[in-house]
Structure formats: C-alpha cells, structure tokens
C-alpha atoms as a PDB file:
ATOM      1  CA  MET A   1      -2.765 -17.308  23.793  1.00  0.00           C
ATOM      2  CA  GLU A   2      -0.002 -16.418  26.228  1.00  0.00           C
ATOM      3  CA  THR A   3       1.867 -13.151  25.887  1.00  0.00           C
ATOM      4  CA  GLN A   4       4.885 -11.427  27.357  1.00  0.00           C
ATOM      5  CA  GLN A   5       5.374  -7.754  28.105  1.00  0.00           C
ATOM      6  CA  ALA A   6       8.611  -6.000  27.177  1.00  0.00           C
ATOM      7  CA  ARG A   7      10.232  -2.590  27.263  1.00  0.00           C
ATOM      8  CA  PHE A   8      12.349  -1.313  24.375  1.00  0.00           C
ATOM      9  CA  ASP A   9      14.616   1.718  24.622  1.00  0.00           C
ATOM     10  CA  VAL A  10      15.731   3.006  21.235  1.00  0.00           C
ATOM     11  CA  ILE A  11      18.118   5.846  20.348  1.00  0.00           C
ATOM     12  CA  GLY A  12      18.872   6.994  16.818  1.00  0.00           C
ATOM     13  CA  PHE A  13      19.481  10.040  14.646  1.00  0.00           C
ATOM     14  CA  GLU A  14      16.626  12.480  14.271  1.00  0.00           C
ATOM     15  CA  ASN A  15      13.945  11.290  11.859  1.00  0.00           C
ATOM     16  CA  PRO A  16      10.398  12.677  11.637  1.00  0.00           C
ATOM     17  CA  GLU A  17       9.108   9.133  10.994  1.00  0.00           C
ATOM     18  CA  PHE A  18      10.916   7.611  14.003  1.00  0.00           C
ATOM     19  CA  GLY A  19       7.812   6.746  16.062  1.00  0.00           C
ATOM     20  CA  LYS A  20       5.848   5.479  13.070  1.00  0.00           C
ATOM     21  CA  LEU A  21       8.724   3.238  11.925  1.00  0.00           C
ATOM     22  CA  LEU A  22       8.989   1.748  15.422  1.00  0.00           C
ATOM     23  CA  GLN A  23       5.269   1.018  15.459  1.00  0.00           C
ATOM     24  CA  VAL A  24       5.405  -0.698  12.072  1.00  0.00           C
ATOM     25  CA  ALA A  25       8.416  -2.837  13.071  1.00  0.00           C
ATOM     26  CA  LEU A  26       6.710  -3.936  16.296  1.00  0.00           C
ATOM     27  CA  VAL A  27       3.332  -4.663  14.716  1.00  0.00           C
ATOM     28  CA  HIS A  28       5.042  -6.816  12.058  1.00  0.00           C
ATOM     29  CA  GLN A  29       6.388  -8.922  14.939  1.00  0.00           C
ATOM     30  CA  GLY A  30       2.866  -9.374  16.313  1.00  0.00           C
ATOM     31  CA  ALA A  31       3.292  -6.857  19.119  1.00  0.00           C
ATOM     32  CA  SER A  32       0.538  -4.798  20.664  1.00  0.00           C
ATOM     33  CA  ILE A  33       1.878  -1.394  21.732  1.00  0.00           C
ATOM     34  CA  ALA A  34       0.748  -0.234  25.164  1.00  0.00           C
ATOM     35  CA  SER A  35       2.892   2.907  25.311  1.00  0.00           C
ATOM     36  CA  LEU A  36       5.204   4.751  22.918  1.00  0.00           C
ATOM     37  CA  GLN A  37       7.070   7.877  23.981  1.00  0.00           C
ATOM     38  CA  VAL A  38       9.430   9.690  21.611  1.00  0.00           C
ATOM     39  CA  ALA A  39      11.534  12.684  22.633  1.00  0.00           C
ATOM     40  CA  PRO A  40      14.395  14.681  21.130  1.00  0.00           C
ATOM     41  CA  LEU A  41      17.840  14.090  22.585  1.00  0.00           C
ATOM     42  CA  SER A  42      21.161  15.864  22.113  1.00  0.00           C
ATOM     43  CA  ALA A  43      24.318  13.729  21.852  1.00  0.00           C
ATOM     44  CA  PRO A  44      26.548  14.525  24.850  1.00  0.00           C
ATOM     45  CA  MET A  45      29.871  14.929  23.032  1.00  0.00           C
ATOM     46  CA  THR A  46      28.848  16.182  19.588  1.00  0.00           C
ATOM     47  CA  GLY A  47      25.486  17.840  20.133  1.00  0.00           C
ATOM     48  CA  ASP A  48      24.009  15.841  17.238  1.00  0.00           C
ATOM     49  CA  HIS A  49      20.218  15.790  17.143  1.00  0.00           C
ATOM     50  CA  LEU A  50      18.941  12.363  18.186  1.00  0.00           C
ATOM     51  CA  MET A  51      15.620  10.792  19.038  1.00  0.00           C
ATOM     52  CA  GLN A  52      14.956   8.603  22.044  1.00  0.00           C
ATOM     53  CA  ALA A  53      11.974   6.282  22.263  1.00  0.00           C
ATOM     54  CA  THR A  54      10.627   4.099  25.029  1.00  0.00           C
ATOM     55  CA  VAL A  55       8.117   1.454  24.023  1.00  0.00           C
ATOM     56  CA  ILE A  56       6.091  -0.856  26.249  1.00  0.00           C
ATOM     57  CA  ALA A  57       4.629  -3.669  24.175  1.00  0.00           C
ATOM     58  CA  THR A  58       2.915  -6.998  24.590  1.00  0.00           C
ATOM     59  CA  LEU A  59       4.501  -9.723  22.472  1.00  0.00           C
ATOM     60  CA  PRO A  60       3.279 -13.170  21.494  1.00  0.00           C
ATOM     61  CA  ALA A  61       4.778 -15.819  23.780  1.00  0.00           C
ATOM     62  CA  ASP A  62       6.637 -17.428  20.863  1.00  0.00           C
ATOM     63  CA  CYS A  63       8.394 -14.164  19.918  1.00  0.00           C
ATOM     64  CA  SER A  64      11.821 -13.614  21.485  1.00  0.00           C
ATOM     65  CA  LEU A  65      13.057 -10.225  22.626  1.00  0.00           C
ATOM     66  CA  ARG A  66      16.109 -10.639  20.387  1.00  0.00           C
ATOM     67  CA  GLU A  67      13.890 -11.167  17.310  1.00  0.00           C
ATOM     68  CA  VAL A  68      12.066  -7.927  18.047  1.00  0.00           C
ATOM     69  CA  GLU A  69      15.321  -6.056  18.746  1.00  0.00           C
ATOM     70  CA  HIS A  70      16.607  -7.239  15.381  1.00  0.00           C
ATOM     71  CA  ALA A  71      13.417  -6.083  13.623  1.00  0.00           C
ATOM     72  CA  ILE A  72      13.787  -2.623  15.192  1.00  0.00           C
ATOM     73  CA  GLU A  73      17.492  -2.455  14.279  1.00  0.00           C
ATOM     74  CA  GLU A  74      16.565  -3.070  10.635  1.00  0.00           C
ATOM     75  CA  ILE A  75      14.814   0.328  10.535  1.00  0.00           C
ATOM     76  CA  SER A  76      18.182   2.091  10.345  1.00  0.00           C
ATOM     77  CA  ASP A  77      21.912   1.401  10.704  1.00  0.00           C
ATOM     78  CA  ASP A  78      22.269   4.072  13.394  1.00  0.00           C
ATOM     79  CA  LEU A  79      19.933   2.684  16.050  1.00  0.00           C
ATOM     80  CA  TYR A  80      20.896   1.554  19.527  1.00  0.00           C
ATOM     81  CA  VAL A  81      18.256  -0.796  20.939  1.00  0.00           C
ATOM     82  CA  THR A  82      17.936  -2.393  24.375  1.00  0.00           C
ATOM     83  CA  ALA A  83      15.134  -4.697  25.417  1.00  0.00           C
ATOM     84  CA  GLN A  84      14.018  -6.148  28.711  1.00  0.00           C
ATOM     85  CA  ALA A  85      11.110  -8.203  29.890  1.00  0.00           C
ATOM     86  CA  ALA A  86       8.663  -6.086  31.866  1.00  0.00           C
END
C-alpha cells in the first residue's frame, strides 16, 4: 500500500489534552505518527497561553491533506492548522 508523508503545524489555546487529541484525530484518518512535538506558546499581542504542535505523519495514499486538516480542525473551534507534503 502506498503512503504519503505530511507535516502538520497546529496552534490553539492551551489544553492539557492537546497532544492526545491530535493523535486520536490523526489515527482516525489512518495516519501513522512519526513525530509529535507540543510546546507552549504565548500570543504576541495578547499574551494568551497557546499550544503549538508539529506533527510528522505517514498517511494512506487515498487520504488527502485537506481531509486530515479538517479532522484536526474538528478538535476545537480555535485551532489554526497548516499542512504540507513532506
């Protein structure tokens, strides 16, 4: 079975379950996670506490990046997600 590798950058409000929720969303899309890094981030203008995650994942060939972005965005209304083929 062919696969594709992708990188997802995700920013959202602080949530202790942030990394776990990302993993669940990706696995439900058939992804295999190679790397997941989560770090705190402070919003530049407001100082709000945010979380930033970078995920490298292998996706099934029939799964589009947009489908996976959408699945991640469904975790919370406050997420900003970008995806790119790696």
